[in-house]
Amino acid sequence: MGVPQHRQSKSRVRKRRAMWKITAPNHIECPQCHKPKLPHYICPNCGYYNSKVVISKEA
């Protein structure tokens, strides 16, 4: 098993961890009600997914 022979510097460790940032989720426009929603999810406003009613929302 490999054992580190020298300590890694702070800058080397921080350069490696710089890519661990969290990105905001993408939002797309719902084709039915034109409100923002997450892709591949049922629209929470109108209940449509893939142009089909999945959850009926009563007005």
PDB file of N, CA and C in Angstrom:
ATOM      1  N   MET A   1       0.839  -1.183   0.000  1.00  0.00           N
ATOM      2  CA  MET A   1       0.000   0.000   0.000  1.00  0.00           C
ATOM      3  C   MET A   1       0.880   1.241   0.000  1.00  0.00           C
ATOM      4  N   GLY A   2       0.537   2.214  -0.845  1.00  0.00           N
ATOM      5  CA  GLY A   2       1.338   3.428  -0.930  1.00  0.00           C
ATOM      6  C   GLY A   2       1.181   4.295   0.295  1.00  0.00           C
ATOM      7  N   VAL A   3       2.291   4.806   0.776  1.00  0.00           N
ATOM      8  CA  VAL A   3       2.292   5.684   1.940  1.00  0.00           C
ATOM      9  C   VAL A   3       2.918   7.007   1.514  1.00  0.00           C
ATOM     10  N   PRO A   4       2.279   8.160   1.796  1.00  0.00           N
ATOM     11  CA  PRO A   4       2.857   9.430   1.399  1.00  0.00           C
ATOM     12  C   PRO A   4       4.187   9.680   2.108  1.00  0.00           C
ATOM     13  N   GLN A   5       5.192  10.056   1.340  1.00  0.00           N
ATOM     14  CA  GLN A   5       6.514  10.305   1.912  1.00  0.00           C
ATOM     15  C   GLN A   5       6.693  11.766   2.328  1.00  0.00           C
ATOM     16  N   HIS A   6       5.932  12.672   1.700  1.00  0.00           N
ATOM     17  CA  HIS A   6       6.058  14.092   2.009  1.00  0.00           C
ATOM     18  C   HIS A   6       4.669  14.700   2.170  1.00  0.00           C
ATOM     19  N   ARG A   7       4.619  15.714   2.984  1.00  0.00           N
ATOM     20  CA  ARG A   7       3.366  16.409   3.219  1.00  0.00           C
ATOM     21  C   ARG A   7       3.021  17.257   1.994  1.00  0.00           C
ATOM     22  N   GLN A   8       1.722  17.248   1.618  1.00  0.00           N
ATOM     23  CA  GLN A   8       1.300  18.088   0.505  1.00  0.00           C
ATOM     24  C   GLN A   8       1.014  19.491   1.018  1.00  0.00           C
ATOM     25  N   SER A   9       1.420  20.486   0.240  1.00  0.00           N
ATOM     26  CA  SER A   9       1.244  21.878   0.649  1.00  0.00           C
ATOM     27  C   SER A   9      -0.227  22.263   0.611  1.00  0.00           C
ATOM     28  N   LYS A  10      -0.575  23.353   1.303  1.00  0.00           N
ATOM     29  CA  LYS A  10      -1.953  23.835   1.333  1.00  0.00           C
ATOM     30  C   LYS A  10      -2.417  24.231  -0.061  1.00  0.00           C
ATOM     31  N   SER A  11      -1.532  24.863  -0.823  1.00  0.00           N
ATOM     32  CA  SER A  11      -1.937  25.310  -2.159  1.00  0.00           C
ATOM     33  C   SER A  11      -2.214  24.120  -3.072  1.00  0.00           C
ATOM     34  N   ARG A  12      -1.460  23.059  -2.947  1.00  0.00           N
ATOM     35  CA  ARG A  12      -1.681  21.878  -3.780  1.00  0.00           C
ATOM     36  C   ARG A  12      -3.017  21.217  -3.442  1.00  0.00           C
ATOM     37  N   VAL A  13      -3.333  21.144  -2.147  1.00  0.00           N
ATOM     38  CA  VAL A  13      -4.591  20.543  -1.715  1.00  0.00           C
ATOM     39  C   VAL A  13      -5.755  21.425  -2.142  1.00  0.00           C
ATOM     40  N   ARG A  14      -5.613  22.740  -1.992  1.00  0.00           N
ATOM     41  CA  ARG A  14      -6.698  23.650  -2.330  1.00  0.00           C
ATOM     42  C   ARG A  14      -6.949  23.716  -3.826  1.00  0.00           C
ATOM     43  N   LYS A  15      -5.907  23.554  -4.636  1.00  0.00           N
ATOM     44  CA  LYS A  15      -6.092  23.509  -6.084  1.00  0.00           C
ATOM     45  C   LYS A  15      -6.919  22.291  -6.477  1.00  0.00           C
ATOM     46  N   ARG A  16      -6.680  21.181  -5.827  1.00  0.00           N
ATOM     47  CA  ARG A  16      -7.419  19.964  -6.129  1.00  0.00           C
ATOM     48  C   ARG A  16      -8.882  20.104  -5.697  1.00  0.00           C
ATOM     49  N   ARG A  17      -9.114  20.739  -4.553  1.00  0.00           N
ATOM     50  CA  ARG A  17     -10.467  20.865  -4.026  1.00  0.00           C
ATOM     51  C   ARG A  17     -11.238  22.035  -4.635  1.00  0.00           C
ATOM     52  N   ALA A  18     -10.622  22.830  -5.461  1.00  0.00           N
ATOM     53  CA  ALA A  18     -11.287  24.001  -6.036  1.00  0.00           C
ATOM     54  C   ALA A  18     -12.446  23.604  -6.932  1.00  0.00           C
ATOM     55  N   MET A  19     -12.417  22.398  -7.483  1.00  0.00           N
ATOM     56  CA  MET A  19     -13.474  21.963  -8.388  1.00  0.00           C
ATOM     57  C   MET A  19     -14.641  21.308  -7.655  1.00  0.00           C
ATOM     58  N   TRP A  20     -14.637  21.277  -6.345  1.00  0.00           N
ATOM     59  CA  TRP A  20     -15.693  20.641  -5.576  1.00  0.00           C
ATOM     60  C   TRP A  20     -16.875  21.564  -5.323  1.00  0.00           C
ATOM     61  N   LYS A  21     -16.966  22.658  -6.046  1.00  0.00           N
ATOM     62  CA  LYS A  21     -18.002  23.635  -5.761  1.00  0.00           C
ATOM     63  C   LYS A  21     -19.372  23.103  -6.180  1.00  0.00           C
ATOM     64  N   ILE A  22     -20.388  23.597  -5.539  1.00  0.00           N
ATOM     65  CA  ILE A  22     -21.761  23.203  -5.822  1.00  0.00           C
ATOM     66  C   ILE A  22     -22.301  24.134  -6.899  1.00  0.00           C
ATOM     67  N   THR A  23     -22.984  23.568  -7.882  1.00  0.00           N
ATOM     68  CA  THR A  23     -23.595  24.380  -8.925  1.00  0.00           C
ATOM     69  C   THR A  23     -25.101  24.442  -8.692  1.00  0.00           C
ATOM     70  N   ALA A  24     -25.698  25.539  -9.086  1.00  0.00           N
ATOM     71  CA  ALA A  24     -27.138  25.706  -8.946  1.00  0.00           C
ATOM     72  C   ALA A  24     -27.860  24.794  -9.938  1.00  0.00           C
ATOM     73  N   PRO A  25     -29.011  24.257  -9.570  1.00  0.00           N
ATOM     74  CA  PRO A  25     -29.734  23.379 -10.501  1.00  0.00           C
ATOM     75  C   PRO A  25     -30.280  24.167 -11.686  1.00  0.00           C
ATOM     76  N   ASN A  26     -30.323  23.513 -12.841  1.00  0.00           N
ATOM     77  CA  ASN A  26     -30.868  24.147 -14.045  1.00  0.00           C
ATOM     78  C   ASN A  26     -32.380  24.243 -13.925  1.00  0.00           C
ATOM     79  N   HIS A  27     -32.924  25.308 -14.463  1.00  0.00           N
ATOM     80  CA  HIS A  27     -34.368  25.458 -14.546  1.00  0.00           C
ATOM     81  C   HIS A  27     -34.736  25.659 -16.007  1.00  0.00           C
ATOM     82  N   ILE A  28     -35.827  25.015 -16.416  1.00  0.00           N
ATOM     83  CA  ILE A  28     -36.333  25.190 -17.767  1.00  0.00           C
ATOM     84  C   ILE A  28     -37.757  25.710 -17.672  1.00  0.00           C
ATOM     85  N   GLU A  29     -38.270  26.179 -18.790  1.00  0.00           N
ATOM     86  CA  GLU A  29     -39.632  26.692 -18.816  1.00  0.00           C
ATOM     87  C   GLU A  29     -40.593  25.557 -19.124  1.00  0.00           C
ATOM     88  N   CYS A  30     -41.646  25.465 -18.348  1.00  0.00           N
ATOM     89  CA  CYS A  30     -42.677  24.450 -18.589  1.00  0.00           C
ATOM     90  C   CYS A  30     -43.395  24.793 -19.886  1.00  0.00           C
ATOM     91  N   PRO A  31     -43.542  23.835 -20.822  1.00  0.00           N
ATOM     92  CA  PRO A  31     -44.220  24.146 -22.085  1.00  0.00           C
ATOM     93  C   PRO A  31     -45.717  24.415 -21.925  1.00  0.00           C
ATOM     94  N   GLN A  32     -46.313  24.012 -20.807  1.00  0.00           N
ATOM     95  CA  GLN A  32     -47.750  24.207 -20.602  1.00  0.00           C
ATOM     96  C   GLN A  32     -48.059  25.546 -19.923  1.00  0.00           C
ATOM     97  N   CYS A  33     -47.446  25.790 -18.762  1.00  0.00           N
ATOM     98  CA  CYS A  33     -47.782  27.002 -17.999  1.00  0.00           C
ATOM     99  C   CYS A  33     -46.691  28.066 -18.060  1.00  0.00           C
ATOM    100  N   HIS A  34     -45.553  27.756 -18.685  1.00  0.00           N
ATOM    101  CA  HIS A  34     -44.439  28.696 -18.892  1.00  0.00           C
ATOM    102  C   HIS A  34     -43.827  29.211 -17.593  1.00  0.00           C
ATOM    103  N   LYS A  35     -43.869  28.412 -16.563  1.00  0.00           N
ATOM    104  CA  LYS A  35     -43.208  28.759 -15.304  1.00  0.00           C
ATOM    105  C   LYS A  35     -41.954  27.903 -15.174  1.00  0.00           C
ATOM    106  N   PRO A  36     -40.960  28.355 -14.410  1.00  0.00           N
ATOM    107  CA  PRO A  36     -39.721  27.568 -14.291  1.00  0.00           C
ATOM    108  C   PRO A  36     -39.933  26.275 -13.514  1.00  0.00           C
ATOM    109  N   LYS A  37     -39.267  25.212 -13.991  1.00  0.00           N
ATOM    110  CA  LYS A  37     -39.327  23.918 -13.318  1.00  0.00           C
ATOM    111  C   LYS A  37     -38.010  23.196 -13.541  1.00  0.00           C
ATOM    112  N   LEU A  38     -37.751  22.178 -12.743  1.00  0.00           N
ATOM    113  CA  LEU A  38     -36.552  21.377 -12.914  1.00  0.00           C
ATOM    114  C   LEU A  38     -36.742  20.417 -14.079  1.00  0.00           C
ATOM    115  N   PRO A  39     -35.692  20.184 -14.871  1.00  0.00           N
ATOM    116  CA  PRO A  39     -35.841  19.242 -15.979  1.00  0.00           C
ATOM    117  C   PRO A  39     -36.060  17.811 -15.480  1.00  0.00           C
ATOM    118  N   HIS A  40     -36.849  17.048 -16.209  1.00  0.00           N
ATOM    119  CA  HIS A  40     -37.172  15.644 -15.898  1.00  0.00           C
ATOM    120  C   HIS A  40     -37.986  15.517 -14.607  1.00  0.00           C
ATOM    121  N   TYR A  41     -38.733  16.549 -14.251  1.00  0.00           N
ATOM    122  CA  TYR A  41     -39.606  16.526 -13.081  1.00  0.00           C
ATOM    123  C   TYR A  41     -41.000  16.958 -13.506  1.00  0.00           C
ATOM    124  N   ILE A  42     -41.991  16.543 -12.753  1.00  0.00           N
ATOM    125  CA  ILE A  42     -43.352  17.005 -12.979  1.00  0.00           C
ATOM    126  C   ILE A  42     -43.418  18.475 -12.597  1.00  0.00           C
ATOM    127  N   CYS A  43     -44.124  19.256 -13.400  1.00  0.00           N
ATOM    128  CA  CYS A  43     -44.260  20.689 -13.099  1.00  0.00           C
ATOM    129  C   CYS A  43     -45.103  20.844 -11.834  1.00  0.00           C
ATOM    130  N   PRO A  44     -44.597  21.537 -10.806  1.00  0.00           N
ATOM    131  CA  PRO A  44     -45.370  21.680  -9.573  1.00  0.00           C
ATOM    132  C   PRO A  44     -46.565  22.620  -9.725  1.00  0.00           C
ATOM    133  N   ASN A  45     -46.579  23.447 -10.780  1.00  0.00           N
ATOM    134  CA  ASN A  45     -47.671  24.405 -10.951  1.00  0.00           C
ATOM    135  C   ASN A  45     -48.859  23.802 -11.693  1.00  0.00           C
ATOM    136  N   CYS A  46     -48.606  23.109 -12.806  1.00  0.00           N
ATOM    137  CA  CYS A  46     -49.719  22.594 -13.614  1.00  0.00           C
ATOM    138  C   CYS A  46     -49.862  21.072 -13.547  1.00  0.00           C
ATOM    139  N   GLY A  47     -48.834  20.349 -13.109  1.00  0.00           N
ATOM    140  CA  GLY A  47     -48.928  18.896 -12.986  1.00  0.00           C
ATOM    141  C   GLY A  47     -48.652  18.134 -14.262  1.00  0.00           C
ATOM    142  N   TYR A  48     -48.076  18.781 -15.272  1.00  0.00           N
ATOM    143  CA  TYR A  48     -47.785  18.129 -16.548  1.00  0.00           C
ATOM    144  C   TYR A  48     -46.361  17.579 -16.558  1.00  0.00           C
ATOM    145  N   TYR A  49     -46.178  16.491 -17.286  1.00  0.00           N
ATOM    146  CA  TYR A  49     -44.855  15.949 -17.583  1.00  0.00           C
ATOM    147  C   TYR A  49     -44.924  15.323 -18.962  1.00  0.00           C
ATOM    148  N   ASN A  50     -44.041  15.749 -19.854  1.00  0.00           N
ATOM    149  CA  ASN A  50     -43.972  15.220 -21.218  1.00  0.00           C
ATOM    150  C   ASN A  50     -45.310  15.381 -21.942  1.00  0.00           C
ATOM    151  N   SER A  51     -45.925  16.558 -21.793  1.00  0.00           N
ATOM    152  CA  SER A  51     -47.208  16.929 -22.428  1.00  0.00           C
ATOM    153  C   SER A  51     -48.366  16.040 -21.999  1.00  0.00           C
ATOM    154  N   LYS A  52     -48.283  15.429 -20.835  1.00  0.00           N
ATOM    155  CA  LYS A  52     -49.372  14.605 -20.315  1.00  0.00           C
ATOM    156  C   LYS A  52     -49.653  15.026 -18.875  1.00  0.00           C
ATOM    157  N   VAL A  53     -50.923  14.975 -18.495  1.00  0.00           N
ATOM    158  CA  VAL A  53     -51.315  15.310 -17.128  1.00  0.00           C
ATOM    159  C   VAL A  53     -50.940  14.137 -16.229  1.00  0.00           C
ATOM    160  N   VAL A  54     -50.087  14.387 -15.250  1.00  0.00           N
ATOM    161  CA  VAL A  54     -49.679  13.351 -14.312  1.00  0.00           C
ATOM    162  C   VAL A  54     -50.395  13.553 -12.984  1.00  0.00           C
ATOM    163  N   ILE A  55     -50.465  14.810 -12.555  1.00  0.00           N
ATOM    164  CA  ILE A  55     -51.166  15.165 -11.330  1.00  0.00           C
ATOM    165  C   ILE A  55     -52.232  16.180 -11.719  1.00  0.00           C
ATOM    166  N   SER A  56     -53.494  15.865 -11.431  1.00  0.00           N
ATOM    167  CA  SER A  56     -54.551  16.816 -11.784  1.00  0.00           C
ATOM    168  C   SER A  56     -54.608  17.907 -10.722  1.00  0.00           C
ATOM    169  N   LYS A  57     -54.493  19.138 -11.195  1.00  0.00           N
ATOM    170  CA  LYS A  57     -54.563  20.301 -10.314  1.00  0.00           C
ATOM    171  C   LYS A  57     -55.918  20.978 -10.529  1.00  0.00           C
ATOM    172  N   GLU A  58     -56.706  21.020  -9.494  1.00  0.00           N
ATOM    173  CA  GLU A  58     -58.028  21.666  -9.593  1.00  0.00           C
ATOM    174  C   GLU A  58     -57.871  23.157  -9.367  1.00  0.00           C
ATOM    175  N   ALA A  59     -58.548  23.949 -10.179  1.00  0.00           N
ATOM    176  CA  ALA A  59     -58.442  25.407 -10.091  1.00  0.00           C
ATOM    177  C   ALA A  59     -59.232  25.952  -8.925  1.00  0.00           C
TER     178      ALA A  59
END
